[in-house]
Amino acid sequence: MSCKNGIMFKYAFMLIGAVLAGQTLVSCTCGRTVREEFVVPDSIYKVTKRIHEDVLKDVVDNLSSPIETASLFKSLNVPFSQKYVATTKHLSDYNTSYSKAFSLGVFGADLGYINMYGRTSMASIYIMVMKNLADGLNIGQFFNYATLKRLSDNDENIDSLVYISQQSFNKMDRYLRQSGRGNLSAIMISGVFVEALYLSCRFYEETANPRLAESIVEQKYLLAETVKMLSLYQSQKEVADLIAELSTIEAAFESVEIDVEKGKLEQIAENGSLRVVQNEKTIVRYTEAQLKNIVYEIENVRNKLINVN
C-alpha cells in the first residue's frame, strides 16, 4: 500500500479510521515522516481466501484505534455530540445479511467514539444493538455481550474493553471467512471505514483542524484498498451497489496528490540484533475546494447507506 501509518489493528470493529497525522495547512503542499444471506460458493471461496486475507490485512493494518483517534478528537476540545453517531432507530430496517454486516461495522466505529467520551449508558445501548446484529448473522456466540456491557457500565479499565472487543471481533471474522462468508467480513470492515471517515469529517467541520484535514485526505489509498477488498464479491448485487457508492467518494479523491518519498535507511538495535528500517516521507497536495468536496461526498454517501434522509 502506498501510504502506511504503521498503526496496527487493535480495536477491531470498534475502530475509528482517521489516521493521526502531522501538522498541515489546507491549500498547500504538506509533508510528514514516517437482502438475503450471501454465501460464496466453495470453489470461489477457496480461490479468493488467500487474496481476501491479504487485502483485508492491508486495510486493517492502516486503520488506527479509537483510543488514539478519539483522544485526538478530545484534545481539540470538541464536546461530545450524539448527533455525530448513527441512530439506532432504523435497526428494524436492517433485515438482510448485507445491511446487518454493514451496520455492525458502523455501530462499532461509533461505539469507539462513545466509549472514549465515557457515555456509559449510551454505550450499553450500542453494545446491545451490536449483539442483536451479530445474532442476526449467526455470529452472536462470538460477541462477548455480558463482559462488554459490564466493562462499559462500570467504566472499568479501557484496556480490558479493548482486549475483549478485539477477541470478539477476531472470532466473528474468522468464523465468517471459514464458513465461506468472507464477503460479510469485507462488508463489516467497509462499515467501519465509512463511519470512521464520516466522524472525522464531522469533527473537521467543527474545528477546521489541519491535522484532521490531512488525515481525511490521506484516506485516498485506504479507500482504494477497501474497494479492492469488496471487488472480490462484486458479482453480488448488494456489494456492487456498495462499490458504486464508494466510487462516488473515490471520484472526489481523484485530484488529490499523495507521493511517498524514500528516506534514509536506519539501523535499530532490537533484542541483541540490528533491524533496518526504511524511513519514508509522505507528501500530500490538495486544495480547500477539493477537501470540501470530499467531505460533502463522504457525508452524503454515509447518510444514504444508513438510510438517513
Protein backbone atom coordinates (compact mmCIF):
# COMPACT_ATOMS: atom_id res chain seq x y z
CA MET A 1 0.00 0.00 0.00
CA SER A 2 1.40 3.41 -0.88
CA CYS A 3 0.69 5.26 2.35
CA LYS A 4 1.05 3.28 5.56
CA ASN A 5 0.77 4.84 9.02
CA GLY A 6 2.09 1.79 10.85
CA ILE A 7 -0.67 1.75 13.45
CA MET A 8 -1.75 -1.84 13.96
CA PHE A 9 -5.22 -3.30 14.23
CA LYS A 10 -6.17 -3.10 17.92
CA TYR A 11 -9.83 -2.47 18.37
CA ALA A 12 -11.39 -4.48 15.55
CA PHE A 13 -15.00 -3.45 14.97
CA MET A 14 -14.62 -0.54 17.40
CA LEU A 15 -12.06 1.15 15.18
CA ILE A 16 -12.11 4.79 14.17
CA GLY A 17 -10.45 5.24 10.79
CA ALA A 18 -8.80 8.65 10.94
CA VAL A 19 -5.01 8.42 10.78
CA LEU A 20 -3.11 10.52 13.33
CA ALA A 21 -1.39 12.94 11.00
CA GLY A 22 1.26 15.61 11.43
CA GLN A 23 0.57 19.31 11.16
CA THR A 24 -0.56 20.51 7.73
CA LEU A 25 -2.15 23.51 6.05
CA VAL A 26 -5.15 23.36 3.76
CA SER A 27 -4.47 24.57 0.21
CA CYS A 28 -0.73 23.88 0.48
CA THR A 29 1.88 21.21 -0.07
CA CYS A 30 2.20 19.11 3.09
CA GLY A 31 4.67 16.54 4.33
CA ARG A 32 5.29 14.27 7.30
CA THR A 33 7.55 11.42 8.10
CA VAL A 34 7.20 8.19 8.72
CA ARG A 35 -31.04 -8.59 1.17
CA GLU A 36 -30.64 -12.41 1.65
CA GLU A 37 -27.83 -14.44 3.04
CA PHE A 38 -24.71 -14.03 0.93
CA VAL A 39 -23.00 -17.38 0.58
CA VAL A 40 -19.92 -17.60 -1.59
CA PRO A 41 -19.65 -20.96 -3.40
CA ASP A 42 -16.85 -23.14 -2.03
CA SER A 43 -15.00 -23.09 -5.34
CA ILE A 44 -14.83 -19.29 -5.36
CA TYR A 45 -14.08 -19.13 -1.65
CA LYS A 46 -11.03 -21.40 -1.96
CA VAL A 47 -9.56 -19.32 -4.77
CA THR A 48 -10.13 -15.94 -3.12
CA LYS A 49 -9.48 -16.84 0.52
CA ARG A 50 -5.78 -16.02 0.44
CA ILE A 51 -6.33 -12.89 -1.66
CA HIS A 52 -9.07 -11.70 0.67
CA GLU A 53 -6.88 -12.14 3.73
CA ASP A 54 -4.01 -10.21 2.15
CA VAL A 55 -6.23 -7.31 1.07
CA LEU A 56 -8.07 -7.31 4.39
CA LYS A 57 -4.74 -7.12 6.21
CA ASP A 58 -3.75 -4.08 4.15
CA VAL A 59 -6.99 -2.32 5.11
CA VAL A 60 -6.87 -3.36 8.75
CA ASP A 61 -3.19 -2.51 9.25
CA ASN A 62 -3.86 1.06 8.18
CA LEU A 63 -6.81 1.72 10.45
CA SER A 64 -6.00 3.34 13.78
CA SER A 65 -7.64 2.55 17.08
CA PRO A 66 -10.44 4.66 18.55
CA ILE A 67 -8.33 5.27 21.61
CA GLU A 68 -5.73 7.12 19.56
CA THR A 69 -8.13 8.91 17.26
CA ALA A 70 -10.83 9.76 19.79
CA SER A 71 -8.04 11.07 22.02
CA LEU A 72 -7.17 13.44 19.19
CA PHE A 73 -10.82 14.48 18.97
CA LYS A 74 -10.93 15.17 22.70
CA SER A 75 -7.66 17.09 22.58
CA LEU A 76 -9.35 19.53 20.19
CA ASN A 77 -11.87 20.31 22.96
CA VAL A 78 -14.82 19.39 20.80
CA PRO A 79 -17.67 18.36 23.12
CA PHE A 80 -19.38 15.01 22.68
CA SER A 81 -22.39 15.14 20.38
CA GLN A 82 -24.94 12.40 19.91
CA LYS A 83 -25.80 13.85 16.50
CA TYR A 84 -22.49 12.56 15.14
CA VAL A 85 -23.26 8.87 15.61
CA ALA A 86 -25.64 6.66 13.64
CA THR A 87 -29.09 6.41 15.16
CA THR A 88 -30.37 3.02 16.29
CA LYS A 89 -33.96 3.82 15.32
CA HIS A 90 -33.53 2.21 11.89
CA LEU A 91 -32.49 -1.14 13.36
CA SER A 92 -35.65 -2.88 12.11
CA ASP A 93 -34.76 -1.82 8.56
CA TYR A 94 -31.55 -3.82 8.66
CA ASN A 95 -33.20 -7.08 7.63
CA THR A 96 -30.64 -8.55 5.23
CA SER A 97 -27.25 -10.06 5.89
CA TYR A 98 -25.66 -7.22 3.95
CA SER A 99 -27.33 -4.45 5.95
CA LYS A 100 -26.66 -6.22 9.25
CA ALA A 101 -22.95 -6.65 8.49
CA PHE A 102 -22.50 -3.08 7.29
CA SER A 103 -24.38 -1.65 10.27
CA LEU A 104 -22.38 -3.79 12.67
CA GLY A 105 -19.26 -2.05 11.40
CA VAL A 106 -20.89 1.38 11.57
CA PHE A 107 -22.08 0.96 15.15
CA GLY A 108 -18.70 -0.48 16.10
CA ALA A 109 -16.94 2.69 14.93
CA ASP A 110 -19.50 4.79 16.80
CA LEU A 111 -19.01 2.75 19.95
CA GLY A 112 -15.30 3.58 20.00
CA TYR A 113 -16.18 7.29 19.99
CA ILE A 114 -18.90 6.87 22.61
CA ASN A 115 -16.64 4.90 24.95
CA MET A 116 -13.80 7.39 24.72
CA TYR A 117 -16.10 10.14 25.92
CA GLY A 118 -17.34 7.97 28.80
CA ARG A 119 -21.00 7.88 27.75
CA THR A 120 -21.62 4.56 29.51
CA SER A 121 -25.43 4.46 29.31
CA MET A 122 -25.31 5.19 25.59
CA ALA A 123 -22.53 2.63 25.11
CA SER A 124 -24.74 -0.04 26.69
CA ILE A 125 -27.43 0.63 24.08
CA TYR A 126 -24.96 0.34 21.20
CA ILE A 127 -23.49 -2.86 22.62
CA MET A 128 -26.99 -4.34 22.81
CA VAL A 129 -27.74 -3.27 19.22
CA MET A 130 -24.48 -4.80 18.00
CA LYS A 131 -25.28 -8.07 19.79
CA ASN A 132 -28.65 -8.10 18.03
CA LEU A 133 -26.99 -7.61 14.64
CA ALA A 134 -24.37 -10.26 15.38
CA ASP A 135 -27.10 -12.73 16.34
CA GLY A 136 -28.82 -11.98 13.05
CA LEU A 137 -25.64 -13.01 11.25
CA ASN A 138 -25.33 -16.18 13.36
CA ILE A 139 -22.10 -14.93 14.92
CA GLY A 140 -23.56 -13.66 18.19
CA GLN A 141 -21.90 -16.52 20.06
CA PHE A 142 -18.58 -14.80 19.43
CA PHE A 143 -19.76 -11.41 20.69
CA ASN A 144 -18.96 -11.25 24.40
CA TYR A 145 -22.00 -9.16 25.24
CA ALA A 146 -22.10 -9.72 29.01
CA THR A 147 -18.46 -8.82 29.57
CA LEU A 148 -18.51 -5.84 27.23
CA LYS A 149 -21.63 -4.46 28.90
CA ARG A 150 -20.15 -4.91 32.38
CA LEU A 151 -16.93 -3.15 31.41
CA SER A 152 -18.84 -0.33 29.77
CA ASP A 153 -21.40 0.10 32.58
CA ASN A 154 -18.76 0.15 35.31
CA ASP A 155 -16.30 2.33 33.40
CA GLU A 156 -13.56 -0.19 34.12
CA ASN A 157 -10.08 -0.35 32.64
CA ILE A 158 -10.30 0.67 28.98
CA ASP A 159 -7.53 -1.80 28.11
CA SER A 160 -9.79 -4.67 29.14
CA LEU A 161 -12.58 -3.31 26.98
CA VAL A 162 -10.22 -3.06 24.02
CA TYR A 163 -8.92 -6.59 24.53
CA ILE A 164 -12.34 -8.25 24.87
CA SER A 165 -13.62 -6.28 21.87
CA GLN A 166 -10.69 -7.41 19.74
CA GLN A 167 -11.12 -11.03 20.75
CA SER A 168 -14.84 -10.94 19.95
CA PHE A 169 -14.23 -9.44 16.53
CA ASN A 170 -11.42 -11.78 15.62
CA LYS A 171 -13.60 -14.78 16.36
CA MET A 172 -16.51 -13.40 14.34
CA ASP A 173 -14.26 -12.50 11.41
CA ARG A 174 -12.54 -15.90 11.44
CA TYR A 175 -15.84 -17.76 11.57
CA LEU A 176 -17.30 -15.74 8.70
CA ARG A 177 -14.32 -16.49 6.49
CA GLN A 178 -14.05 -20.15 7.45
CA SER A 179 -17.76 -20.66 6.79
CA GLY A 180 -17.49 -19.18 3.29
CA ARG A 181 -18.92 -15.78 4.20
CA GLY A 182 -15.82 -13.66 3.82
CA ASN A 183 -17.98 -11.20 1.92
CA LEU A 184 -19.76 -10.30 5.14
CA SER A 185 -16.43 -9.68 6.83
CA ALA A 186 -15.44 -7.34 3.99
CA ILE A 187 -18.78 -5.53 4.25
CA MET A 188 -18.39 -5.15 8.01
CA ILE A 189 -14.91 -3.64 7.62
CA SER A 190 -16.36 -1.28 5.00
CA GLY A 191 -18.95 -0.12 7.52
CA VAL A 192 -16.18 0.65 10.00
CA PHE A 193 -14.24 2.61 7.39
CA VAL A 194 -17.18 4.67 6.11
CA GLU A 195 -18.38 5.65 9.59
CA ALA A 196 -14.86 6.41 10.82
CA LEU A 197 -14.23 8.68 7.86
CA TYR A 198 -17.61 10.33 8.39
CA LEU A 199 -16.81 11.05 12.06
CA SER A 200 -13.51 12.60 11.04
CA CYS A 201 -15.35 14.85 8.58
CA ARG A 202 -17.83 15.98 11.22
CA PHE A 203 -15.04 16.85 13.62
CA TYR A 204 -13.18 18.70 10.89
CA GLU A 205 -16.26 20.79 10.16
CA GLU A 206 -16.42 21.71 13.84
CA THR A 207 -12.73 22.52 14.28
CA ALA A 208 -11.17 23.20 10.85
CA ASN A 209 -8.16 21.49 12.38
CA PRO A 210 -5.36 20.92 9.82
CA ARG A 211 -4.38 17.58 11.36
CA LEU A 212 -7.87 16.25 10.69
CA ALA A 213 -7.83 17.75 7.20
CA GLU A 214 -4.71 15.81 6.27
CA SER A 215 -5.92 12.62 7.89
CA ILE A 216 -9.11 12.75 5.81
CA VAL A 217 -7.27 13.34 2.54
CA GLU A 218 -4.77 10.57 3.28
CA GLN A 219 -7.60 8.02 3.26
CA LYS A 220 -7.48 8.07 -0.57
CA TYR A 221 -5.39 4.90 -0.74
CA LEU A 222 -7.17 3.13 2.10
CA LEU A 223 -10.45 3.78 0.30
CA ALA A 224 -8.96 2.22 -2.84
CA GLU A 225 -7.93 -0.86 -0.83
CA THR A 226 -11.41 -1.11 0.68
CA VAL A 227 -12.96 -1.10 -2.79
CA LYS A 228 -10.40 -3.67 -3.91
CA MET A 229 -11.41 -5.88 -0.98
CA LEU A 230 -15.08 -5.58 -1.88
CA SER A 231 -14.42 -6.24 -5.58
CA LEU A 232 -13.75 -9.89 -4.72
CA TYR A 233 -17.51 -10.18 -4.26
CA GLN A 234 -18.75 -7.66 -6.82
CA SER A 235 -20.86 -10.30 -8.61
CA GLN A 236 -23.32 -9.89 -5.71
CA LYS A 237 -25.70 -7.02 -6.39
CA GLU A 238 -25.58 -5.58 -2.89
CA VAL A 239 -21.78 -5.49 -2.91
CA ALA A 240 -21.74 -3.99 -6.41
CA ASP A 241 -24.13 -1.27 -5.17
CA LEU A 242 -21.83 -0.53 -2.23
CA ILE A 243 -18.83 -0.30 -4.55
CA ALA A 244 -20.76 2.14 -6.74
CA GLU A 245 -21.42 4.38 -3.73
CA LEU A 246 -17.80 4.28 -2.60
CA SER A 247 -16.73 5.05 -6.17
CA THR A 248 -18.51 8.38 -5.79
CA ILE A 249 -16.17 9.19 -2.91
CA GLU A 250 -13.20 7.89 -4.91
CA ALA A 251 -14.02 10.37 -7.66
CA ALA A 252 -13.83 13.22 -5.15
CA PHE A 253 -10.38 12.00 -4.08
CA GLU A 254 -9.09 11.64 -7.64
CA SER A 255 -7.47 15.06 -7.92
CA VAL A 256 -5.66 14.74 -4.59
CA GLU A 257 -1.94 14.00 -4.98
CA ILE A 258 -0.11 11.79 -2.49
CA ASP A 259 3.54 10.92 -3.00
CA VAL A 260 5.80 8.78 -0.83
CA GLU A 261 9.48 9.64 -0.87
CA LYS A 262 12.06 7.14 0.32
CA GLY A 263 14.24 8.38 3.15
CA LYS A 264 17.43 7.16 4.73
CA LEU A 265 17.80 3.62 5.99
CA GLU A 266 18.04 3.46 9.76
CA GLN A 267 19.53 0.68 11.87
CA ILE A 268 17.70 -0.03 15.11
CA ALA A 269 19.08 -2.28 17.86
CA GLU A 270 16.42 -4.74 18.95
CA ASN A 271 16.82 -7.82 21.17
CA GLY A 272 20.54 -8.00 20.57
CA SER A 273 20.31 -7.64 16.81
CA LEU A 274 20.06 -4.84 14.27
CA ARG A 275 16.89 -4.15 12.31
CA VAL A 276 16.97 -1.97 9.18
CA VAL A 277 14.06 0.45 8.77
CA GLN A 278 13.24 2.33 5.58
CA ASN A 279 12.08 5.83 6.53
CA GLU A 280 9.51 7.46 4.26
CA LYS A 281 8.10 10.94 3.81
CA THR A 282 4.52 11.38 2.65
CA ILE A 283 3.75 14.47 0.58
CA VAL A 284 0.07 15.43 0.35
CA ARG A 285 -1.22 18.06 -2.07
CA TYR A 286 -4.82 19.24 -2.06
CA THR A 287 -6.88 22.42 -2.07
CA GLU A 288 -9.58 23.64 0.26
CA ALA A 289 -12.15 23.20 -2.51
CA GLN A 290 -11.07 19.57 -3.03
CA LEU A 291 -11.32 18.86 0.69
CA LYS A 292 -14.75 20.46 0.87
CA ASN A 293 -15.97 18.25 -1.98
CA ILE A 294 -14.53 15.12 -0.34
CA VAL A 295 -16.27 15.91 2.95
CA TYR A 296 -19.56 16.52 1.16
CA GLU A 297 -19.43 13.23 -0.74
CA ILE A 298 -18.45 11.23 2.34
CA GLU A 299 -21.32 12.60 4.38
CA ASN A 300 -23.79 12.18 1.53
CA VAL A 301 -22.82 8.54 0.85
CA ARG A 302 -22.71 7.61 4.54
CA ASN A 303 -26.17 9.01 5.21
CA LYS A 304 -27.56 7.23 2.15
CA LEU A 305 -26.05 3.89 3.21
CA ILE A 306 -27.57 4.05 6.71
CA ASN A 307 -30.93 5.36 5.49
CA VAL A 308 -30.67 8.88 6.85
CA ASN A 309 -32.93 11.27 4.97
